[in-house]
Amino acid sequence: MTAVLATRAPAGARLEVDLGAVANNTRLLSACTPGALMAVVKADGFGHGAVGVARTALAHGASWLGVTSIDEALALRAAGLRAPVLSWLNTVDADFVAAVGAGVDVAVPSLAHLEAVTRAGIGARVHLHLDTGMARDGAAPHEWPALCRAARRAERSGVLRVVGVMGHLGCSDVPDDPANAAGRTAFDWGVGVARGAGLRPPAGPVCGRRCATSPRRPRP
């Protein structure tokens, strides 16, 4: 199956996206993990068309969608996609009210983000984001315990639910890179701290979601 997508390239240029390849890749990755598979379709599906790629991935083994901004998540909702969506790279002044209203999960990498989400109203679904070495976003390790404690207080007040803990491996395209082992160790530490704060996100036995794990190194 091939989709021909319109582009803003010079006249006569055309981009052809093979959604059959997307389907095959999704099935392959789904077979490599016993957990849920998230299809990341940020940046217009990395230029391949977010909606088409999302629908194809969901039809062939993915059960989650991931994007960076809330605007990207809302575009998926506007296209009729109702699968769980996580938006994980937002500024503190992002429209968290719209995210909550559309049933979009949001990542929380700092106390300032947590405060912004709590102001968005009751019902927010939150994934606490730990920097496990990517250094792109996420709470620094020394900030993590305070973030977990504050999130637990907010959860107990009924404003939000912590439904996941997430990290991002910086060298997942090189599975044996030592940075990945260090990232997994940091992630496991972060999950332990979250549990110690009283958080029990229902996201499987490790209570977490990694955004860039390698199929060569399966994890429970």
C-alpha atoms as a PDB file:
ATOM      1  CA  MET A   1       0.000   0.000   0.000  1.00  0.00           C
ATOM      2  CA  THR A   2       1.493   3.336  -1.048  1.00  0.00           C
ATOM      3  CA  ALA A   3       0.228   6.768  -0.104  1.00  0.00           C
ATOM      4  CA  VAL A   4       1.050   9.810  -2.209  1.00  0.00           C
ATOM      5  CA  LEU A   5       1.243  12.879  -0.013  1.00  0.00           C
ATOM      6  CA  ALA A   6       1.115  16.511  -0.998  1.00  0.00           C
ATOM      7  CA  THR A   7       4.217  18.530  -0.126  1.00  0.00           C
ATOM      8  CA  ARG A   8       5.377  22.120  -0.234  1.00  0.00           C
ATOM      9  CA  ALA A   9       8.341  21.208  -2.380  1.00  0.00           C
ATOM     10  CA  PRO A  10       8.884  22.862  -5.779  1.00  0.00           C
ATOM     11  CA  ALA A  11       6.299  22.199  -8.487  1.00  0.00           C
ATOM     12  CA  GLY A  12       6.453  18.653  -9.750  1.00  0.00           C
ATOM     13  CA  ALA A  13       7.974  17.189  -6.590  1.00  0.00           C
ATOM     14  CA  ARG A  14       6.122  14.313  -4.979  1.00  0.00           C
ATOM     15  CA  LEU A  15       6.643  12.260  -1.849  1.00  0.00           C
ATOM     16  CA  GLU A  16       5.561   8.633  -1.902  1.00  0.00           C
ATOM     17  CA  VAL A  17       5.178   6.884   1.449  1.00  0.00           C
ATOM     18  CA  ASP A  18       4.935   3.107   1.558  1.00  0.00           C
ATOM     19  CA  LEU A  19       2.504   2.462   4.380  1.00  0.00           C
ATOM     20  CA  GLY A  20       2.953  -1.248   3.770  1.00  0.00           C
ATOM     21  CA  ALA A  21       6.504  -0.873   5.087  1.00  0.00           C
ATOM     22  CA  VAL A  22       5.152   0.980   8.128  1.00  0.00           C
ATOM     23  CA  ALA A  23       2.735  -1.901   8.710  1.00  0.00           C
ATOM     24  CA  ASN A  24       5.509  -4.509   8.421  1.00  0.00           C
ATOM     25  CA  ASN A  25       7.815  -2.602  10.763  1.00  0.00           C
ATOM     26  CA  THR A  26       5.038  -2.200  13.318  1.00  0.00           C
ATOM     27  CA  ARG A  27       4.270  -5.914  13.282  1.00  0.00           C
ATOM     28  CA  LEU A  28       7.973  -6.710  13.693  1.00  0.00           C
ATOM     29  CA  LEU A  29       8.411  -4.402  16.673  1.00  0.00           C
ATOM     30  CA  SER A  30       5.160  -5.568  18.253  1.00  0.00           C
ATOM     31  CA  ALA A  31       6.413  -9.145  18.108  1.00  0.00           C
ATOM     32  CA  CYS A  32       9.585  -8.133  19.975  1.00  0.00           C
ATOM     33  CA  THR A  33       7.889  -6.975  23.152  1.00  0.00           C
ATOM     34  CA  PRO A  34       5.254  -8.357  25.517  1.00  0.00           C
ATOM     35  CA  GLY A  35       4.321  -4.794  26.423  1.00  0.00           C
ATOM     36  CA  ALA A  36       2.283  -2.125  24.683  1.00  0.00           C
ATOM     37  CA  LEU A  37       3.854  -0.537  21.609  1.00  0.00           C
ATOM     38  CA  MET A  38       3.804   3.214  21.091  1.00  0.00           C
ATOM     39  CA  ALA A  39       4.097   4.596  17.562  1.00  0.00           C
ATOM     40  CA  VAL A  40       5.811   7.981  17.693  1.00  0.00           C
ATOM     41  CA  VAL A  41       4.363  10.227  14.981  1.00  0.00           C
ATOM     42  CA  LYS A  42       5.832  13.570  15.958  1.00  0.00           C
ATOM     43  CA  ALA A  43       6.890  16.111  13.308  1.00  0.00           C
ATOM     44  CA  ASP A  44       4.099  14.973  10.975  1.00  0.00           C
ATOM     45  CA  GLY A  45       5.129  11.373  11.402  1.00  0.00           C
ATOM     46  CA  PHE A  46       8.770  12.333  10.723  1.00  0.00           C
ATOM     47  CA  GLY A  47       7.595  13.779   7.433  1.00  0.00           C
ATOM     48  CA  HIS A  48       5.623  10.701   6.414  1.00  0.00           C
ATOM     49  CA  GLY A  49       2.172  12.005   7.350  1.00  0.00           C
ATOM     50  CA  ALA A  50       1.169  11.683  10.990  1.00  0.00           C
ATOM     51  CA  VAL A  51      -2.434  10.584  10.500  1.00  0.00           C
ATOM     52  CA  GLY A  52      -1.735   7.938   7.865  1.00  0.00           C
ATOM     53  CA  VAL A  53       1.210   6.502   9.756  1.00  0.00           C
ATOM     54  CA  ALA A  54      -0.748   6.539  13.016  1.00  0.00           C
ATOM     55  CA  ARG A  55      -3.699   4.687  11.540  1.00  0.00           C
ATOM     56  CA  THR A  56      -1.442   2.128   9.907  1.00  0.00           C
ATOM     57  CA  ALA A  57       0.558   1.520  13.083  1.00  0.00           C
ATOM     58  CA  LEU A  58      -2.580   1.152  15.190  1.00  0.00           C
ATOM     59  CA  ALA A  59      -3.954  -1.381  12.743  1.00  0.00           C
ATOM     60  CA  HIS A  60      -0.807  -3.526  12.917  1.00  0.00           C
ATOM     61  CA  GLY A  61       0.159  -3.829  16.561  1.00  0.00           C
ATOM     62  CA  ALA A  62       0.629  -0.403  18.133  1.00  0.00           C
ATOM     63  CA  SER A  63      -1.811   0.608  20.847  1.00  0.00           C
ATOM     64  CA  TRP A  64      -0.387   4.026  21.765  1.00  0.00           C
ATOM     65  CA  LEU A  65       0.619   7.138  19.841  1.00  0.00           C
ATOM     66  CA  GLY A  66       3.361   9.535  20.872  1.00  0.00           C
ATOM     67  CA  VAL A  67       3.967  13.147  19.863  1.00  0.00           C
ATOM     68  CA  THR A  68       5.968  16.035  21.206  1.00  0.00           C
ATOM     69  CA  SER A  69       3.508  18.933  21.373  1.00  0.00           C
ATOM     70  CA  ILE A  70      -0.076  19.157  22.525  1.00  0.00           C
ATOM     71  CA  ASP A  71      -0.959  20.737  19.161  1.00  0.00           C
ATOM     72  CA  GLU A  72       0.212  17.556  17.430  1.00  0.00           C
ATOM     73  CA  ALA A  73      -1.905  15.464  19.786  1.00  0.00           C
ATOM     74  CA  LEU A  74      -4.983  17.607  19.169  1.00  0.00           C
ATOM     75  CA  ALA A  75      -4.506  17.219  15.413  1.00  0.00           C
ATOM     76  CA  LEU A  76      -4.669  13.444  15.831  1.00  0.00           C
ATOM     77  CA  ARG A  77      -7.861  13.781  17.860  1.00  0.00           C
ATOM     78  CA  ALA A  78      -9.336  16.086  15.194  1.00  0.00           C
ATOM     79  CA  ALA A  79      -8.615  13.378  12.608  1.00  0.00           C
ATOM     80  CA  GLY A  80     -10.758  10.969  14.597  1.00  0.00           C
ATOM     81  CA  LEU A  81      -8.013   8.950  16.289  1.00  0.00           C
ATOM     82  CA  ARG A  82      -9.095   7.872  19.773  1.00  0.00           C
ATOM     83  CA  ALA A  83      -6.157   5.690  20.804  1.00  0.00           C
ATOM     84  CA  PRO A  84      -4.163   6.751  23.868  1.00  0.00           C
ATOM     85  CA  VAL A  85      -1.810   9.629  23.010  1.00  0.00           C
ATOM     86  CA  LEU A  86       1.169  10.884  25.003  1.00  0.00           C
ATOM     87  CA  SER A  87       2.600  14.386  24.478  1.00  0.00           C
ATOM     88  CA  TRP A  88       5.958  14.722  26.192  1.00  0.00           C
ATOM     89  CA  LEU A  89       7.806  17.883  25.127  1.00  0.00           C
ATOM     90  CA  ASN A  90       5.853  20.976  26.107  1.00  0.00           C
ATOM     91  CA  THR A  91       6.635  24.367  27.564  1.00  0.00           C
ATOM     92  CA  VAL A  92       5.197  25.309  30.931  1.00  0.00           C
ATOM     93  CA  ASP A  93       2.644  27.605  29.270  1.00  0.00           C
ATOM     94  CA  ALA A  94       1.318  24.921  26.892  1.00  0.00           C
ATOM     95  CA  ASP A  95      -2.446  24.416  26.670  1.00  0.00           C
ATOM     96  CA  PHE A  96      -2.801  21.674  29.245  1.00  0.00           C
ATOM     97  CA  VAL A  97      -6.507  22.471  29.579  1.00  0.00           C
ATOM     98  CA  ALA A  98      -7.020  21.437  25.956  1.00  0.00           C
ATOM     99  CA  ALA A  99      -4.934  18.309  26.507  1.00  0.00           C
ATOM    100  CA  VAL A 100      -7.027  17.231  29.487  1.00  0.00           C
ATOM    101  CA  GLY A 101     -10.234  17.972  27.601  1.00  0.00           C
ATOM    102  CA  ALA A 102      -9.122  15.828  24.654  1.00  0.00           C
ATOM    103  CA  GLY A 103      -7.991  12.932  26.819  1.00  0.00           C
ATOM    104  CA  VAL A 104      -4.322  13.418  25.951  1.00  0.00           C
ATOM    105  CA  ASP A 105      -1.718  12.175  28.432  1.00  0.00           C
ATOM    106  CA  VAL A 106       1.110  14.605  29.197  1.00  0.00           C
ATOM    107  CA  ALA A 107       4.651  14.181  30.426  1.00  0.00           C
ATOM    108  CA  VAL A 108       5.749  16.156  33.469  1.00  0.00           C
ATOM    109  CA  PRO A 109       9.511  16.822  33.637  1.00  0.00           C
ATOM    110  CA  SER A 110       9.583  19.484  36.362  1.00  0.00           C
ATOM    111  CA  LEU A 111       7.796  20.967  39.340  1.00  0.00           C
ATOM    112  CA  ALA A 112       6.811  23.959  37.215  1.00  0.00           C
ATOM    113  CA  HIS A 113       5.136  21.658  34.688  1.00  0.00           C
ATOM    114  CA  LEU A 114       3.389  19.798  37.481  1.00  0.00           C
ATOM    115  CA  GLU A 115       1.981  23.043  38.836  1.00  0.00           C
ATOM    116  CA  ALA A 116       0.779  24.021  35.356  1.00  0.00           C
ATOM    117  CA  VAL A 117      -0.955  20.672  34.881  1.00  0.00           C
ATOM    118  CA  THR A 118      -2.670  20.850  38.264  1.00  0.00           C
ATOM    119  CA  ARG A 119      -4.116  24.224  37.245  1.00  0.00           C
ATOM    120  CA  ALA A 120      -5.602  22.644  34.106  1.00  0.00           C
ATOM    121  CA  GLY A 121      -8.388  21.004  36.068  1.00  0.00           C
ATOM    122  CA  ILE A 122      -9.328  17.597  37.355  1.00  0.00           C
ATOM    123  CA  GLY A 123      -8.653  14.578  35.189  1.00  0.00           C
ATOM    124  CA  ALA A 124      -5.090  15.008  33.926  1.00  0.00           C
ATOM    125  CA  ARG A 125      -3.206  11.789  33.176  1.00  0.00           C
ATOM    126  CA  VAL A 126       0.475  12.308  33.890  1.00  0.00           C
ATOM    127  CA  HIS A 127       3.699  10.475  33.012  1.00  0.00           C
ATOM    128  CA  LEU A 128       6.578  11.669  35.171  1.00  0.00           C
ATOM    129  CA  HIS A 129       9.617  12.166  32.936  1.00  0.00           C
ATOM    130  CA  LEU A 130      13.108  11.389  34.213  1.00  0.00           C
ATOM    131  CA  ASP A 131      16.236  12.391  32.306  1.00  0.00           C
ATOM    132  CA  THR A 132      17.986   9.028  31.928  1.00  0.00           C
ATOM    133  CA  GLY A 133      20.861  10.416  29.849  1.00  0.00           C
ATOM    134  CA  MET A 134      19.264  11.901  26.745  1.00  0.00           C
ATOM    135  CA  ALA A 135      19.597  15.413  28.216  1.00  0.00           C
ATOM    136  CA  ARG A 136      16.767  16.627  25.983  1.00  0.00           C
ATOM    137  CA  ASP A 137      14.046  16.823  28.605  1.00  0.00           C
ATOM    138  CA  GLY A 138      13.099  15.209  31.869  1.00  0.00           C
ATOM    139  CA  ALA A 139      13.849  15.917  35.497  1.00  0.00           C
ATOM    140  CA  ALA A 140      17.483  15.749  36.552  1.00  0.00           C
ATOM    141  CA  PRO A 141      18.150  12.955  39.061  1.00  0.00           C
ATOM    142  CA  HIS A 142      18.639  15.405  41.931  1.00  0.00           C
ATOM    143  CA  GLU A 143      15.209  16.913  41.192  1.00  0.00           C
ATOM    144  CA  TRP A 144      13.413  13.593  40.811  1.00  0.00           C
ATOM    145  CA  PRO A 145      12.565  12.736  44.447  1.00  0.00           C
ATOM    146  CA  ALA A 146      10.905  16.127  45.019  1.00  0.00           C
ATOM    147  CA  LEU A 147       8.944  15.794  41.778  1.00  0.00           C
ATOM    148  CA  CYS A 148       7.686  12.347  42.781  1.00  0.00           C
ATOM    149  CA  ARG A 149       6.626  13.551  46.229  1.00  0.00           C
ATOM    150  CA  ALA A 150       4.811  16.570  44.766  1.00  0.00           C
ATOM    151  CA  ALA A 151       3.088  14.398  42.176  1.00  0.00           C
ATOM    152  CA  ARG A 152       1.893  12.044  44.882  1.00  0.00           C
ATOM    153  CA  ARG A 153       0.440  14.966  46.841  1.00  0.00           C
ATOM    154  CA  ALA A 154      -1.382  16.168  43.729  1.00  0.00           C
ATOM    155  CA  GLU A 155      -2.635  12.666  43.079  1.00  0.00           C
ATOM    156  CA  ARG A 156      -3.964  12.313  46.606  1.00  0.00           C
ATOM    157  CA  SER A 157      -5.817  15.615  46.193  1.00  0.00           C
ATOM    158  CA  GLY A 158      -7.681  14.109  43.241  1.00  0.00           C
ATOM    159  CA  VAL A 159      -6.455  16.606  40.650  1.00  0.00           C
ATOM    160  CA  LEU A 160      -4.495  14.150  38.502  1.00  0.00           C
ATOM    161  CA  ARG A 161      -3.382  10.553  38.120  1.00  0.00           C
ATOM    162  CA  VAL A 162       0.203   9.481  37.637  1.00  0.00           C
ATOM    163  CA  VAL A 163      -0.181   6.727  35.059  1.00  0.00           C
ATOM    164  CA  GLY A 164       3.434   6.252  33.977  1.00  0.00           C
ATOM    165  CA  VAL A 165       7.118   6.926  34.497  1.00  0.00           C
ATOM    166  CA  MET A 166       9.143   7.531  31.357  1.00  0.00           C
ATOM    167  CA  GLY A 167      12.695   8.024  30.193  1.00  0.00           C
ATOM    168  CA  HIS A 168      14.480   8.327  26.855  1.00  0.00           C
ATOM    169  CA  LEU A 169      17.585   6.329  25.961  1.00  0.00           C
ATOM    170  CA  GLY A 170      20.078   8.504  24.131  1.00  0.00           C
ATOM    171  CA  CYS A 171      21.784   5.837  22.006  1.00  0.00           C
ATOM    172  CA  SER A 172      19.051   3.333  21.235  1.00  0.00           C
ATOM    173  CA  ASP A 173      20.180   3.049  17.611  1.00  0.00           C
ATOM    174  CA  VAL A 174      23.394   1.464  18.941  1.00  0.00           C
ATOM    175  CA  PRO A 175      22.010  -1.193  21.312  1.00  0.00           C
ATOM    176  CA  ASP A 176      25.314  -2.101  22.940  1.00  0.00           C
ATOM    177  CA  ASP A 177      26.368   1.477  23.669  1.00  0.00           C
ATOM    178  CA  PRO A 178      27.219   1.731  27.392  1.00  0.00           C
ATOM    179  CA  ALA A 179      24.972   4.790  27.625  1.00  0.00           C
ATOM    180  CA  ASN A 180      21.951   2.545  27.211  1.00  0.00           C
ATOM    181  CA  ALA A 181      22.880   0.349  30.170  1.00  0.00           C
ATOM    182  CA  ALA A 182      23.420   3.483  32.236  1.00  0.00           C
ATOM    183  CA  GLY A 183      20.053   4.804  31.088  1.00  0.00           C
ATOM    184  CA  ARG A 184      18.260   1.616  32.069  1.00  0.00           C
ATOM    185  CA  THR A 185      19.923   1.699  35.478  1.00  0.00           C
ATOM    186  CA  ALA A 186      18.834   5.306  35.939  1.00  0.00           C
ATOM    187  CA  PHE A 187      15.306   4.434  34.858  1.00  0.00           C
ATOM    188  CA  ASP A 188      15.049   1.548  37.310  1.00  0.00           C
ATOM    189  CA  TRP A 189      16.320   3.846  40.065  1.00  0.00           C
ATOM    190  CA  GLY A 190      13.701   6.420  39.109  1.00  0.00           C
ATOM    191  CA  VAL A 191      10.910   3.850  39.262  1.00  0.00           C
ATOM    192  CA  GLY A 192      12.108   2.833  42.723  1.00  0.00           C
ATOM    193  CA  VAL A 193      12.026   6.440  43.913  1.00  0.00           C
ATOM    194  CA  ALA A 194       8.514   6.862  42.508  1.00  0.00           C
ATOM    195  CA  ARG A 195       7.348   3.734  44.317  1.00  0.00           C
ATOM    196  CA  GLY A 196       8.965   4.987  47.494  1.00  0.00           C
ATOM    197  CA  ALA A 197       6.955   8.192  47.207  1.00  0.00           C
ATOM    198  CA  GLY A 198       3.774   6.116  47.118  1.00  0.00           C
ATOM    199  CA  LEU A 199       3.111   6.278  43.383  1.00  0.00           C
ATOM    200  CA  ARG A 200       1.659   3.183  41.750  1.00  0.00           C
ATOM    201  CA  PRO A 201       1.090   4.000  38.075  1.00  0.00           C
ATOM    202  CA  PRO A 202      -0.710   1.060  36.412  1.00  0.00           C
ATOM    203  CA  ALA A 203       1.788   0.705  33.570  1.00  0.00           C
ATOM    204  CA  GLY A 204       3.051  -2.839  34.033  1.00  0.00           C
ATOM    205  CA  PRO A 205       5.525  -4.489  36.387  1.00  0.00           C
ATOM    206  CA  VAL A 206       8.197  -1.833  36.016  1.00  0.00           C
ATOM    207  CA  CYS A 207       5.687   1.045  36.167  1.00  0.00           C
ATOM    208  CA  GLY A 208       7.253   2.806  33.259  1.00  0.00           C
ATOM    209  CA  ARG A 209       7.533   3.424  29.554  1.00  0.00           C
ATOM    210  CA  ARG A 210      10.761   3.886  27.622  1.00  0.00           C
ATOM    211  CA  CYS A 211      10.544   6.009  24.497  1.00  0.00           C
ATOM    212  CA  ALA A 212      13.472   4.493  22.664  1.00  0.00           C
ATOM    213  CA  THR A 213      14.251   0.950  23.666  1.00  0.00           C
ATOM    214  CA  SER A 214      15.999  -1.499  21.394  1.00  0.00           C
ATOM    215  CA  PRO A 215      14.282  -4.694  20.217  1.00  0.00           C
ATOM    216  CA  ARG A 216      17.626  -6.437  20.663  1.00  0.00           C
ATOM    217  CA  ARG A 217      17.491  -5.819  24.406  1.00  0.00           C
ATOM    218  CA  PRO A 218      13.936  -6.755  25.457  1.00  0.00           C
ATOM    219  CA  ARG A 219      12.758  -5.690  28.849  1.00  0.00           C
ATOM    220  CA  PRO A 220       9.682  -6.762  30.843  1.00  0.00           C
END
